[in-house]
């Protein structure tokens, strides 16, 4: 633990930072269940996807920028600005009178959400020495898992019993408490940096590259990958990202120092984070289809059945943090974690309409165990492997590549769902030999949402409904197999991680023995060696 800070002060600072993470992470998952009610109220079905996309694009883009700024100017100002801005934007989202206003406010909210995601995990590196970081990272990973699982259920409850507007307004009391705790607990570190040290051109080209890339990936839901819109955005993104790399190799304080990718621990951690996001988003994003579409469970109950995944994630995160400090070759914990995720994907791929609910729950627990292992391991490894001047960059890059991997994975797996479901449905229905007038009642789009419409299903013969469930299970089988194959690449990558000792003095790790963080008025005296 850091010198110069009392145990109670560290606990208070950690609690405030965890509340900040809960604030940002919960918002990402709680809004999804309220979207149908939002659309009905604001009449914006044609712009439905942008409620989520606006937040995703701005938060992912801002994450690496905020990470670098935190390294330059200190973490506390950005953590407070992130929370205050996030809460204010949440209030405006709840007051939105039309879809355009809501999309704009969600984009603003995402900017501050990106600041929070970049900062909260970096604060762990400030507050804790390497030997304690892994355990703290496990706790923060558990908060993220809690938000991922509890969010949809909480969103449904709030929307049903109060109003969709409270899905956003509920951030206000949580944010006020978080701001108060951080103000009281987290010390301020003085900085010699000035606005002239900010890499403005790097920030511009990064944003100009990431924004069209993310938009291109998200619009693949209703545009072909070869459409002019998608190809045009991808071409613009490629040009801007090439310019970004060119600029970053020539400025004094780059947002993403390119030489970091020569560090094996850093590059392997980014790659594993990117690839494992496929598995994480694959299981979370498509599991409701397993429960509701394949097994025929109500939306409310399906949200509750995903909850056990959280316990696997929390348990594995905590255990990994404990083991990292006690075994020499901790990189193999990541290998085991990814292997467990692959096994969980295989279990999910075996689900059919005849499967029991407990089989899906067991598979989700297995996936949660795998995800929970990777959360603290790679973040702690990267923070320890790099000099402290790159603490914010390293931490924010982990979040950035995970977000990017989740977006790419969601687009790819969503395309598999859209392309293969109609063919499987046609095959399953043709096997029934039903009259043509019954067959013609199949929705023209044959999308997962349209064929799961309860009003439609109530009008169809049981054999037809069963055929729909079989077709969906066939499609989801392919999705989970593809996600598992992507994870195999991650599995191979894990063995190339190079461990940096987590136990020992800071000098042995390339740091001075000065405190990581100091109280108000004290100057930071830690000398950093490259």
Protein backbone atom coordinates (compact mmCIF):
# COMPACT_ATOMS: atom_id res chain seq x y z
CA UNK A 1 0.00 0.00 0.00
CA UNK A 2 1.17 3.56 -0.61
CA UNK A 3 3.33 5.39 1.84
CA UNK A 4 2.02 8.66 3.27
CA UNK A 5 -1.62 7.55 3.27
CA UNK A 6 -3.43 6.03 6.22
CA UNK A 7 -5.22 2.73 5.81
CA UNK A 8 -8.61 4.42 6.27
CA UNK A 9 -7.75 7.04 3.64
CA UNK A 10 -6.84 4.32 1.13
CA UNK A 11 -10.04 2.41 1.88
CA UNK A 12 -12.09 5.59 1.41
CA UNK A 13 -10.35 6.43 -1.87
CA UNK A 14 -10.83 2.87 -3.13
CA UNK A 15 -14.53 2.89 -2.20
CA UNK A 16 -15.09 6.17 -4.03
CA UNK A 17 -13.31 4.88 -7.12
CA UNK A 18 -15.36 1.67 -7.07
CA UNK A 19 -18.55 3.75 -6.91
CA UNK A 20 -17.33 5.73 -9.92
CA UNK A 21 -16.81 2.47 -11.84
CA UNK A 22 -20.23 1.19 -10.80
CA UNK A 23 -21.77 4.45 -12.01
CA UNK A 24 -20.26 4.13 -15.50
CA UNK A 25 -20.54 0.35 -15.89
CA UNK A 26 -24.13 0.11 -14.66
CA UNK A 27 -25.28 2.74 -17.13
CA UNK A 28 -23.98 0.67 -20.04
CA UNK A 29 -26.20 -2.28 -19.13
CA UNK A 30 -29.21 -0.75 -17.39
CA UNK A 31 -30.36 1.30 -20.39
CA UNK A 32 -30.83 -1.66 -22.75
CA UNK A 33 -34.01 -2.99 -21.15
CA UNK A 34 -35.61 0.46 -21.18
CA UNK A 35 -35.08 1.08 -24.91
CA UNK A 36 -38.45 -0.37 -26.09
CA UNK A 37 -40.30 2.00 -23.71
CA UNK A 38 -38.09 4.92 -24.77
CA UNK A 39 -38.91 4.27 -28.43
CA UNK A 40 -42.63 4.07 -27.68
CA UNK A 41 -42.52 7.34 -25.74
CA UNK A 42 -40.27 9.37 -28.03
CA UNK A 43 -41.34 7.84 -31.38
CA UNK A 44 -37.83 7.18 -32.63
CA UNK A 45 -37.73 3.61 -33.86
CA UNK A 46 -35.67 4.61 -36.91
CA UNK A 47 -32.89 5.94 -34.63
CA UNK A 48 -33.18 3.31 -31.92
CA UNK A 49 -29.64 1.92 -32.28
CA UNK A 50 -28.08 5.37 -31.88
CA UNK A 51 -29.11 5.58 -28.23
CA UNK A 52 -26.52 2.88 -27.53
CA UNK A 53 -24.14 3.69 -30.39
CA UNK A 54 -23.69 7.36 -29.40
CA UNK A 55 -22.53 6.35 -25.91
CA UNK A 56 -20.30 3.55 -27.18
CA UNK A 57 -18.55 5.70 -29.77
CA UNK A 58 -17.79 8.67 -27.52
CA UNK A 59 -16.78 6.64 -24.45
CA UNK A 60 -14.43 4.34 -26.40
CA UNK A 61 -12.85 7.28 -28.21
CA UNK A 62 -12.34 9.28 -25.02
CA UNK A 63 -10.81 6.42 -22.99
CA UNK A 64 -7.22 6.54 -24.35
CA UNK A 65 -7.23 10.36 -24.47
CA UNK A 66 -8.31 10.63 -20.83
CA UNK A 67 -5.76 8.01 -19.80
CA UNK A 68 -2.92 10.11 -21.20
CA UNK A 69 -4.26 13.35 -19.72
CA UNK A 70 -4.44 11.65 -16.32
CA UNK A 71 -0.75 10.77 -16.60
CA UNK A 72 0.04 14.41 -17.37
CA UNK A 73 -2.19 16.24 -14.88
CA UNK A 74 -3.07 13.71 -12.17
CA UNK A 75 -6.01 11.39 -11.65
CA UNK A 76 -8.22 13.20 -9.12
CA UNK A 77 -9.34 16.13 -11.34
CA UNK A 78 -10.36 13.76 -14.13
CA UNK A 79 -12.15 11.34 -11.83
CA UNK A 80 -14.18 14.18 -10.33
CA UNK A 81 -14.83 15.85 -13.70
CA UNK A 82 -15.86 12.48 -15.14
CA UNK A 83 -18.35 11.77 -12.35
CA UNK A 84 -19.85 15.27 -12.25
CA UNK A 85 -20.16 15.46 -16.03
CA UNK A 86 -21.62 11.96 -16.16
CA UNK A 87 -24.27 12.77 -13.56
CA UNK A 88 -25.24 16.05 -15.25
CA UNK A 89 -25.48 14.34 -18.65
CA UNK A 90 -27.60 11.58 -17.05
CA UNK A 91 -30.01 14.19 -15.74
CA UNK A 92 -30.36 15.68 -19.23
CA UNK A 93 -30.91 12.19 -20.72
CA UNK A 94 -33.80 11.70 -18.30
CA UNK A 95 -35.30 15.05 -19.33
CA UNK A 96 -34.98 14.45 -23.11
CA UNK A 97 -38.16 15.36 -25.01
CA UNK A 98 -37.32 13.68 -28.31
CA UNK A 99 -34.97 11.07 -29.75
CA UNK A 100 -32.48 13.59 -31.14
CA UNK A 101 -32.00 15.19 -27.71
CA UNK A 102 -31.55 11.79 -26.08
CA UNK A 103 -28.92 10.72 -28.63
CA UNK A 104 -26.96 13.98 -28.18
CA UNK A 105 -27.08 13.73 -24.38
CA UNK A 106 -26.03 10.05 -24.54
CA UNK A 107 -23.04 11.07 -26.63
CA UNK A 108 -22.06 13.68 -24.03
CA UNK A 109 -22.60 11.13 -21.28
CA UNK A 110 -20.28 8.75 -23.13
CA UNK A 111 -17.47 11.32 -23.16
CA UNK A 112 -17.50 11.47 -19.37
CA UNK A 113 -18.03 7.71 -19.17
CA UNK A 114 -14.80 7.27 -21.13
CA UNK A 115 -13.01 9.52 -18.64
CA UNK A 116 -14.27 7.36 -15.78
CA UNK A 117 -13.26 4.07 -17.39
CA UNK A 118 -9.79 5.42 -18.18
CA UNK A 119 -9.27 6.74 -14.67
CA UNK A 120 -10.73 4.24 -12.20
CA UNK A 121 -8.43 1.34 -13.04
CA UNK A 122 -5.40 3.65 -13.13
CA UNK A 123 -6.14 4.86 -9.60
CA UNK A 124 -5.52 1.31 -8.37
CA UNK A 125 -1.96 1.61 -9.63
CA UNK A 126 -1.63 4.91 -7.76
CA UNK A 127 -3.07 3.61 -4.50
CA UNK A 128 -1.51 0.15 -4.31
CA UNK A 129 1.95 -1.30 -4.70
CA UNK A 130 2.29 -4.12 -7.27
CA UNK A 131 1.88 -6.90 -4.69
CA UNK A 132 -1.56 -5.60 -3.69
CA UNK A 133 -2.80 -4.46 -7.11
CA UNK A 134 -3.97 -7.84 -8.36
CA UNK A 135 -6.29 -8.28 -5.39
CA UNK A 136 -7.71 -4.77 -5.87
CA UNK A 137 -8.13 -5.36 -9.62
CA UNK A 138 -10.16 -8.46 -8.75
CA UNK A 139 -12.56 -6.36 -6.70
CA UNK A 140 -12.95 -3.82 -9.50
CA UNK A 141 -13.51 -6.60 -12.03
CA UNK A 142 -16.25 -7.91 -9.76
CA UNK A 143 -17.92 -4.48 -9.81
CA UNK A 144 -17.86 -4.56 -13.60
CA UNK A 145 -19.35 -8.06 -13.59
CA UNK A 146 -22.02 -7.01 -11.10
CA UNK A 147 -23.05 -4.15 -13.38
CA UNK A 148 -23.10 -6.38 -16.46
CA UNK A 149 -25.48 -8.84 -14.85
CA UNK A 150 -27.60 -6.77 -12.47
CA UNK A 151 -28.04 -3.86 -14.89
CA UNK A 152 -30.58 -5.46 -17.24
CA UNK A 153 -32.74 -6.72 -14.37
CA UNK A 154 -32.60 -3.38 -12.56
CA UNK A 155 -33.41 -1.55 -15.78
CA UNK A 156 -36.46 -3.70 -16.35
CA UNK A 157 -37.71 -3.19 -12.79
CA UNK A 158 -37.22 0.60 -12.86
CA UNK A 159 -38.90 0.90 -16.27
CA UNK A 160 -41.89 -1.22 -15.26
CA UNK A 161 -42.50 0.35 -11.84
CA UNK A 162 -41.48 3.98 -12.35
CA UNK A 163 -40.46 5.34 -15.75
CA UNK A 164 -37.65 4.88 -18.27
CA UNK A 165 -36.47 8.36 -17.28
CA UNK A 166 -35.47 7.02 -13.85
CA UNK A 167 -33.02 4.65 -15.54
CA UNK A 168 -30.92 7.78 -16.10
CA UNK A 169 -31.93 9.79 -13.03
CA UNK A 170 -30.89 6.97 -10.67
CA UNK A 171 -27.28 7.92 -11.50
CA UNK A 172 -27.70 11.21 -9.65
CA UNK A 173 -27.75 9.94 -6.02
CA UNK A 174 -25.05 7.35 -6.74
CA UNK A 175 -22.91 10.03 -8.38
CA UNK A 176 -23.31 12.48 -5.51
CA UNK A 177 -22.15 9.86 -3.00
CA UNK A 178 -19.22 8.86 -5.25
CA UNK A 179 -18.07 12.48 -5.68
CA UNK A 180 -18.22 13.11 -1.93
CA UNK A 181 -16.19 9.99 -1.13
CA UNK A 182 -13.54 10.71 -3.79
CA UNK A 183 -13.18 14.35 -2.65
CA UNK A 184 -12.62 13.15 0.92
CA UNK A 185 -10.45 10.11 0.21
CA UNK A 186 -8.38 10.53 -2.94
CA UNK A 187 -5.28 12.75 -2.59
CA UNK A 188 -4.23 15.23 -5.26
CA UNK A 189 -0.88 14.94 -7.01
CA UNK A 190 0.76 18.11 -8.27
CA UNK A 191 1.87 18.15 -11.88
CA UNK A 192 4.39 20.22 -13.83
CA UNK A 193 2.60 19.56 -17.12
CA UNK A 194 0.86 22.36 -19.01
CA UNK A 195 -1.69 22.50 -21.82
CA UNK A 196 1.22 22.75 -24.28
CA UNK A 197 2.07 19.11 -23.48
CA UNK A 198 -1.30 17.90 -24.76
CA UNK A 199 -1.14 16.03 -28.06
CA UNK A 200 -4.03 17.83 -29.78
CA UNK A 201 -3.31 16.48 -33.28
CA UNK A 202 -3.05 12.97 -31.90
CA UNK A 203 -6.37 13.36 -30.09
CA UNK A 204 -8.00 14.70 -33.26
CA UNK A 205 -6.76 11.95 -35.58
CA UNK A 206 -7.54 9.24 -33.01
CA UNK A 207 -11.11 10.49 -32.68
CA UNK A 208 -11.41 10.92 -36.47
CA UNK A 209 -10.31 7.30 -36.89
CA UNK A 210 -12.11 5.55 -34.05
CA UNK A 211 -15.49 7.28 -34.48
CA UNK A 212 -16.10 6.18 -38.11
CA UNK A 213 -14.68 2.72 -37.33
CA UNK A 214 -17.14 2.15 -34.49
CA UNK A 215 -20.06 3.60 -36.45
CA UNK A 216 -19.22 1.36 -39.42
CA UNK A 217 -19.19 -1.71 -37.18
CA UNK A 218 -22.43 -0.84 -35.44
CA UNK A 219 -24.41 -0.09 -38.61
CA UNK A 220 -23.62 -3.56 -39.98
CA UNK A 221 -26.84 -4.60 -38.20
CA UNK A 222 -28.85 -3.05 -41.02
CA UNK A 223 -26.21 -2.43 -43.71
CA UNK A 224 -24.22 -5.03 -45.62
CA UNK A 225 -20.47 -5.12 -44.95
CA UNK A 226 -19.95 -4.31 -48.65
CA UNK A 227 -22.36 -1.35 -48.66
CA UNK A 228 -20.98 2.10 -49.61
CA UNK A 229 -21.77 3.43 -46.13
CA UNK A 230 -19.75 0.76 -44.30
CA UNK A 231 -16.86 0.71 -46.77
CA UNK A 232 -16.68 4.52 -46.86
CA UNK A 233 -16.53 4.79 -43.07
CA UNK A 234 -13.91 2.03 -42.84
CA UNK A 235 -11.76 3.76 -45.49
CA UNK A 236 -11.97 7.07 -43.60
CA UNK A 237 -11.11 5.30 -40.34
CA UNK A 238 -8.09 3.60 -41.90
CA UNK A 239 -6.75 6.89 -43.32
CA UNK A 240 -7.15 8.73 -40.01
CA UNK A 241 -5.59 5.92 -37.95
CA UNK A 242 -2.58 5.83 -40.28
CA UNK A 243 -2.22 9.57 -39.72
CA UNK A 244 -2.55 9.00 -35.97
CA UNK A 245 0.30 6.45 -35.95
CA UNK A 246 2.44 8.86 -38.00
CA UNK A 247 1.81 11.72 -35.56
CA UNK A 248 2.32 9.62 -32.43
CA UNK A 249 5.83 8.64 -33.49
CA UNK A 250 6.84 12.31 -33.76
CA UNK A 251 5.39 14.17 -30.76
CA UNK A 252 6.95 14.53 -27.31
CA UNK A 253 3.92 13.39 -25.27
CA UNK A 254 1.94 11.02 -27.51
CA UNK A 255 -1.48 9.78 -26.41
CA UNK A 256 -0.37 6.25 -27.28
CA UNK A 257 3.42 5.88 -27.33
CA UNK A 258 4.00 3.41 -30.15
CA UNK A 259 7.14 1.99 -28.58
CA UNK A 260 5.00 0.44 -25.84
CA UNK A 261 3.88 -2.20 -28.31
CA UNK A 262 7.47 -3.47 -28.35
CA UNK A 263 6.91 -4.51 -24.74
CA UNK A 264 5.72 -8.13 -24.94
CA UNK A 265 3.63 -7.92 -21.78
CA UNK A 266 1.83 -4.82 -23.07
CA UNK A 267 1.14 -6.11 -26.60
CA UNK A 268 0.05 -9.58 -25.45
CA UNK A 269 -2.29 -8.08 -22.85
CA UNK A 270 -3.90 -5.82 -25.47
CA UNK A 271 -4.37 -8.75 -27.87
CA UNK A 272 -5.85 -11.05 -25.22
CA UNK A 273 -8.15 -8.28 -23.99
CA UNK A 274 -9.37 -7.64 -27.53
CA UNK A 275 -10.02 -11.31 -28.29
CA UNK A 276 -11.58 -12.28 -24.95
CA UNK A 277 -14.10 -9.46 -25.41
CA UNK A 278 -15.56 -11.64 -28.18
CA UNK A 279 -16.36 -14.30 -25.62
CA UNK A 280 -17.61 -11.88 -22.99
CA UNK A 281 -19.92 -9.97 -25.31
CA UNK A 282 -20.92 -13.17 -27.10
CA UNK A 283 -22.16 -14.72 -23.90
CA UNK A 284 -23.79 -11.59 -22.46
CA UNK A 285 -25.29 -10.27 -25.72
CA UNK A 286 -26.81 -13.50 -27.03
CA UNK A 287 -27.70 -15.35 -23.83
CA UNK A 288 -31.12 -13.62 -23.58
CA UNK A 289 -31.88 -15.17 -26.98
CA UNK A 290 -31.01 -18.58 -25.53
CA UNK A 291 -33.38 -18.14 -22.61
CA UNK A 292 -36.21 -16.33 -24.38
CA UNK A 293 -35.92 -17.72 -27.90
CA UNK A 294 -34.69 -21.28 -27.45
CA UNK A 295 -36.09 -22.18 -24.02
CA UNK A 296 -39.14 -19.88 -24.11
CA UNK A 297 -38.50 -18.17 -20.75
CA UNK A 298 -39.94 -14.70 -20.09
CA UNK A 299 -37.70 -11.66 -20.40
CA UNK A 300 -37.90 -10.89 -16.66
CA UNK A 301 -36.89 -14.39 -15.61
CA UNK A 302 -34.16 -14.60 -18.22
CA UNK A 303 -32.50 -11.53 -16.71
CA UNK A 304 -32.45 -13.20 -13.30
CA UNK A 305 -31.00 -16.42 -14.72
CA UNK A 306 -27.94 -14.57 -16.07
CA UNK A 307 -27.06 -13.47 -12.52
CA UNK A 308 -25.06 -16.63 -11.60
CA UNK A 309 -22.47 -15.61 -14.19
CA UNK A 310 -21.61 -12.75 -11.82
CA UNK A 311 -20.70 -15.16 -9.03
CA UNK A 312 -18.30 -17.03 -11.28
CA UNK A 313 -16.71 -13.75 -12.34
CA UNK A 314 -16.36 -12.40 -8.79
CA UNK A 315 -14.97 -15.69 -7.48
CA UNK A 316 -12.39 -16.02 -10.25
CA UNK A 317 -11.34 -12.34 -10.00
CA UNK A 318 -10.75 -12.65 -6.27
CA UNK A 319 -8.90 -15.97 -6.58
CA UNK A 320 -6.71 -14.67 -9.41
CA UNK A 321 -5.71 -11.63 -7.38
CA UNK A 322 -4.74 -13.96 -4.53
CA UNK A 323 -2.79 -16.42 -6.71
CA UNK A 324 -0.87 -13.85 -8.79
CA UNK A 325 1.15 -12.85 -5.76
CA UNK A 326 1.95 -16.43 -4.81
CA UNK A 327 2.97 -18.24 -7.98
CA UNK A 328 5.92 -17.56 -10.23
CA UNK A 329 4.45 -18.22 -13.67
CA UNK A 330 1.19 -16.34 -13.28
CA UNK A 331 0.80 -15.99 -17.05
CA UNK A 332 -0.61 -19.52 -17.06
CA UNK A 333 -3.54 -18.29 -14.97
CA UNK A 334 -4.59 -16.40 -18.10
CA UNK A 335 -4.14 -19.55 -20.18
CA UNK A 336 -6.39 -21.48 -17.80
CA UNK A 337 -8.94 -18.64 -17.74
CA UNK A 338 -9.25 -18.48 -21.53
CA UNK A 339 -9.45 -22.28 -21.73
CA UNK A 340 -12.32 -22.19 -19.23
CA UNK A 341 -14.06 -19.53 -21.36
CA UNK A 342 -13.73 -21.76 -24.43
CA UNK A 343 -15.26 -24.66 -22.50
CA UNK A 344 -18.12 -22.37 -21.44
CA UNK A 345 -18.69 -21.37 -25.08
CA UNK A 346 -18.84 -25.04 -26.05
CA UNK A 347 -21.41 -25.70 -23.32
CA UNK A 348 -23.54 -22.80 -24.59
CA UNK A 349 -23.30 -24.11 -28.15
CA UNK A 350 -24.90 -27.39 -27.04
CA UNK A 351 -28.14 -25.78 -25.79
CA UNK A 352 -31.31 -26.88 -27.61
CA UNK A 353 -35.03 -26.42 -26.86
CA UNK A 354 -34.84 -29.70 -24.92
CA UNK A 355 -32.12 -28.41 -22.58
CA UNK A 356 -32.85 -27.57 -18.96
CA UNK A 357 -32.44 -24.05 -17.58
CA UNK A 358 -29.71 -25.19 -15.20
CA UNK A 359 -27.53 -26.21 -18.16
CA UNK A 360 -27.46 -22.63 -19.45
CA UNK A 361 -26.85 -21.30 -15.94
CA UNK A 362 -23.96 -23.75 -15.45
CA UNK A 363 -22.43 -22.71 -18.79
CA UNK A 364 -22.67 -19.04 -17.81
CA UNK A 365 -20.94 -19.71 -14.50
CA UNK A 366 -18.11 -21.39 -16.40
CA UNK A 367 -17.81 -18.40 -18.77
CA UNK A 368 -17.85 -16.06 -15.77
CA UNK A 369 -14.99 -17.99 -14.17
CA UNK A 370 -12.93 -17.55 -17.32
CA UNK A 371 -13.70 -13.85 -17.73
CA UNK A 372 -13.02 -13.18 -14.06
CA UNK A 373 -9.54 -14.66 -14.38
CA UNK A 374 -8.51 -12.36 -17.24
CA UNK A 375 -9.86 -9.11 -15.73
CA UNK A 376 -7.29 -8.52 -12.97
CA UNK A 377 -4.41 -10.50 -14.45
CA UNK A 378 -3.61 -8.53 -17.60
CA UNK A 379 -4.33 -5.11 -16.13
CA UNK A 380 -2.01 -5.79 -13.19
CA UNK A 381 0.67 -7.27 -15.46
CA UNK A 382 0.67 -4.22 -17.75
CA UNK A 383 0.69 -1.71 -14.90
CA UNK A 384 3.67 -3.49 -13.34
CA UNK A 385 5.61 -4.03 -16.57
CA UNK A 386 5.69 -0.35 -17.60
CA UNK A 387 7.25 2.70 -15.92
CA UNK A 388 4.81 4.66 -13.78
CA UNK A 389 4.72 7.58 -16.24
CA UNK A 390 2.66 5.30 -18.51
CA UNK A 391 0.25 4.07 -15.83
CA UNK A 392 -2.77 5.90 -17.25
CA UNK A 393 -1.89 5.04 -20.85
CA UNK A 394 -1.49 1.34 -20.02
CA UNK A 395 -4.71 1.08 -18.01
CA UNK A 396 -6.80 3.01 -20.53
CA UNK A 397 -5.41 0.97 -23.43
CA UNK A 398 -6.65 -2.23 -21.79
CA UNK A 399 -10.15 -0.74 -21.58
CA UNK A 400 -9.94 0.64 -25.13
CA UNK A 401 -8.97 -2.68 -26.72
CA UNK A 402 -11.63 -4.54 -24.73
CA UNK A 403 -14.29 -2.08 -25.90
CA UNK A 404 -13.04 -2.33 -29.46
CA UNK A 405 -13.00 -6.12 -29.29
CA UNK A 406 -16.54 -6.16 -27.94
CA UNK A 407 -17.73 -3.87 -30.74
CA UNK A 408 -16.01 -5.89 -33.47
CA UNK A 409 -17.26 -9.13 -31.91
CA UNK A 410 -20.82 -7.88 -31.59
CA UNK A 411 -20.82 -6.79 -35.24
CA UNK A 412 -19.35 -10.06 -36.51
CA UNK A 413 -21.51 -12.34 -34.37
CA UNK A 414 -24.58 -10.21 -35.10
CA UNK A 415 -23.89 -10.65 -38.82
CA UNK A 416 -23.75 -14.42 -38.30
CA UNK A 417 -27.15 -14.27 -36.60
CA UNK A 418 -28.69 -12.17 -39.38
CA UNK A 419 -27.24 -14.27 -42.22
CA UNK A 420 -27.73 -17.80 -40.92
CA UNK A 421 -31.04 -17.60 -39.06
CA UNK A 422 -33.24 -17.25 -42.19
CA UNK A 423 -31.64 -20.32 -43.82
CA UNK A 424 -31.93 -22.46 -40.69
CA UNK A 425 -35.51 -21.28 -40.26
CA UNK A 426 -36.40 -22.17 -43.84
CA UNK A 427 -34.89 -25.65 -43.41
CA UNK A 428 -36.63 -26.34 -40.11
CA UNK A 429 -40.00 -25.12 -41.38
CA UNK A 430 -39.77 -27.11 -44.63
CA UNK A 431 -39.26 -30.28 -42.56
CA UNK A 432 -42.70 -29.77 -41.01
CA UNK A 433 -44.58 -30.11 -44.34
CA UNK A 434 -47.10 -27.50 -43.18
CA UNK A 435 -49.74 -25.93 -45.48
CA UNK A 436 -48.50 -22.99 -47.55
CA UNK A 437 -50.85 -20.49 -45.88
CA UNK A 438 -49.26 -21.26 -42.50
CA UNK A 439 -45.74 -21.02 -43.89
CA UNK A 440 -46.53 -17.62 -45.41
CA UNK A 441 -47.25 -16.21 -41.94
CA UNK A 442 -43.52 -16.26 -41.18
CA UNK A 443 -42.23 -12.68 -40.79
CA UNK A 444 -40.55 -11.49 -43.99
CA UNK A 445 -37.36 -10.34 -42.28
CA UNK A 446 -37.00 -13.51 -40.22
CA UNK A 447 -34.95 -11.57 -37.69
CA UNK A 448 -34.52 -12.84 -34.15
CA UNK A 449 -36.64 -10.01 -32.74
CA UNK A 450 -39.50 -10.45 -35.21
CA UNK A 451 -39.85 -14.20 -34.75
CA UNK A 452 -39.76 -13.83 -30.96
CA UNK A 453 -42.70 -11.41 -30.90
CA UNK A 454 -45.06 -12.94 -28.29
CA UNK A 455 -48.10 -11.77 -30.28
CA UNK A 456 -46.87 -13.64 -33.34
CA UNK A 457 -45.91 -16.80 -31.45
CA UNK A 458 -49.35 -17.00 -29.82
CA UNK A 459 -50.96 -17.24 -33.27
CA UNK A 460 -48.72 -20.01 -34.62
CA UNK A 461 -49.10 -23.80 -34.30
CA UNK A 462 -46.88 -25.39 -31.60
CA UNK A 463 -44.93 -27.31 -34.24
CA UNK A 464 -44.11 -24.05 -36.02
CA UNK A 465 -42.99 -22.40 -32.77
CA UNK A 466 -40.76 -25.41 -32.04
CA UNK A 467 -39.22 -25.11 -35.51
CA UNK A 468 -38.43 -21.45 -34.79
CA UNK A 469 -36.74 -22.40 -31.52
CA UNK A 470 -34.70 -25.11 -33.26
CA UNK A 471 -33.59 -22.70 -35.98
CA UNK A 472 -32.51 -20.18 -33.38
CA UNK A 473 -30.58 -22.82 -31.43
CA UNK A 474 -28.84 -23.87 -34.67
CA UNK A 475 -27.80 -20.25 -35.29
CA UNK A 476 -26.64 -19.67 -31.72
CA UNK A 477 -24.62 -22.90 -31.92
CA UNK A 478 -22.67 -21.38 -34.81
CA UNK A 479 -22.24 -18.08 -32.96
CA UNK A 480 -20.78 -19.71 -29.85
CA UNK A 481 -18.52 -21.99 -31.91
CA UNK A 482 -17.14 -18.98 -33.82
CA UNK A 483 -16.60 -17.08 -30.55
CA UNK A 484 -14.82 -20.16 -29.18
CA UNK A 485 -12.53 -20.32 -32.22
CA UNK A 486 -11.60 -16.65 -31.76
CA UNK A 487 -10.79 -17.46 -28.13
CA UNK A 488 -8.43 -20.21 -29.29
CA UNK A 489 -6.23 -17.46 -30.77
CA UNK A 490 -6.37 -15.70 -27.40
CA UNK A 491 -5.42 -18.99 -25.71
CA UNK A 492 -2.27 -19.29 -27.82
CA UNK A 493 -1.42 -15.63 -27.17
CA UNK A 494 -1.54 -16.04 -23.37
CA UNK A 495 1.57 -18.22 -23.22
CA UNK A 496 3.72 -15.40 -24.68
CA UNK A 497 3.10 -13.08 -21.73
CA UNK A 498 6.27 -12.19 -19.81
CA UNK A 499 5.83 -12.00 -16.07
CA UNK A 500 7.15 -9.07 -14.09
CA UNK A 501 7.62 -9.83 -10.37
CA UNK A 502 4.70 -8.53 -8.30
CA UNK A 503 6.51 -9.04 -4.99
CA UNK A 504 9.54 -6.91 -4.22
CA UNK A 505 10.56 -3.30 -3.84
CA UNK A 506 9.49 -0.62 -6.25
CA UNK A 507 13.15 -0.04 -7.16
CA UNK A 508 13.41 -3.64 -8.37
CA UNK A 509 10.51 -2.95 -10.69
CA UNK A 510 12.06 0.16 -12.21
CA UNK A 511 10.53 2.71 -9.79
CA UNK A 512 11.97 4.92 -7.13
CA UNK A 513 10.96 4.10 -3.57
CA UNK A 514 9.02 7.39 -3.23
CA UNK A 515 5.28 7.21 -2.57
CA UNK A 516 3.02 6.52 -5.49
CA UNK A 517 0.62 9.20 -4.39
CA UNK A 518 1.07 12.03 -1.92
CA UNK A 519 -1.17 14.21 0.20
CA UNK A 520 -2.31 17.74 -0.68
CA UNK A 521 0.52 20.21 -0.77
CA UNK A 522 3.26 17.60 -1.07
CA UNK A 523 5.25 17.29 -4.25
CA UNK A 524 5.44 14.00 -6.07
CA UNK A 525 9.08 12.92 -5.88
CA UNK A 526 9.00 9.58 -7.63
CA UNK A 527 11.65 9.42 -10.35
CA UNK A 528 10.67 7.25 -13.27
CA UNK A 529 13.13 5.21 -15.25
CA UNK A 530 12.26 4.06 -18.73
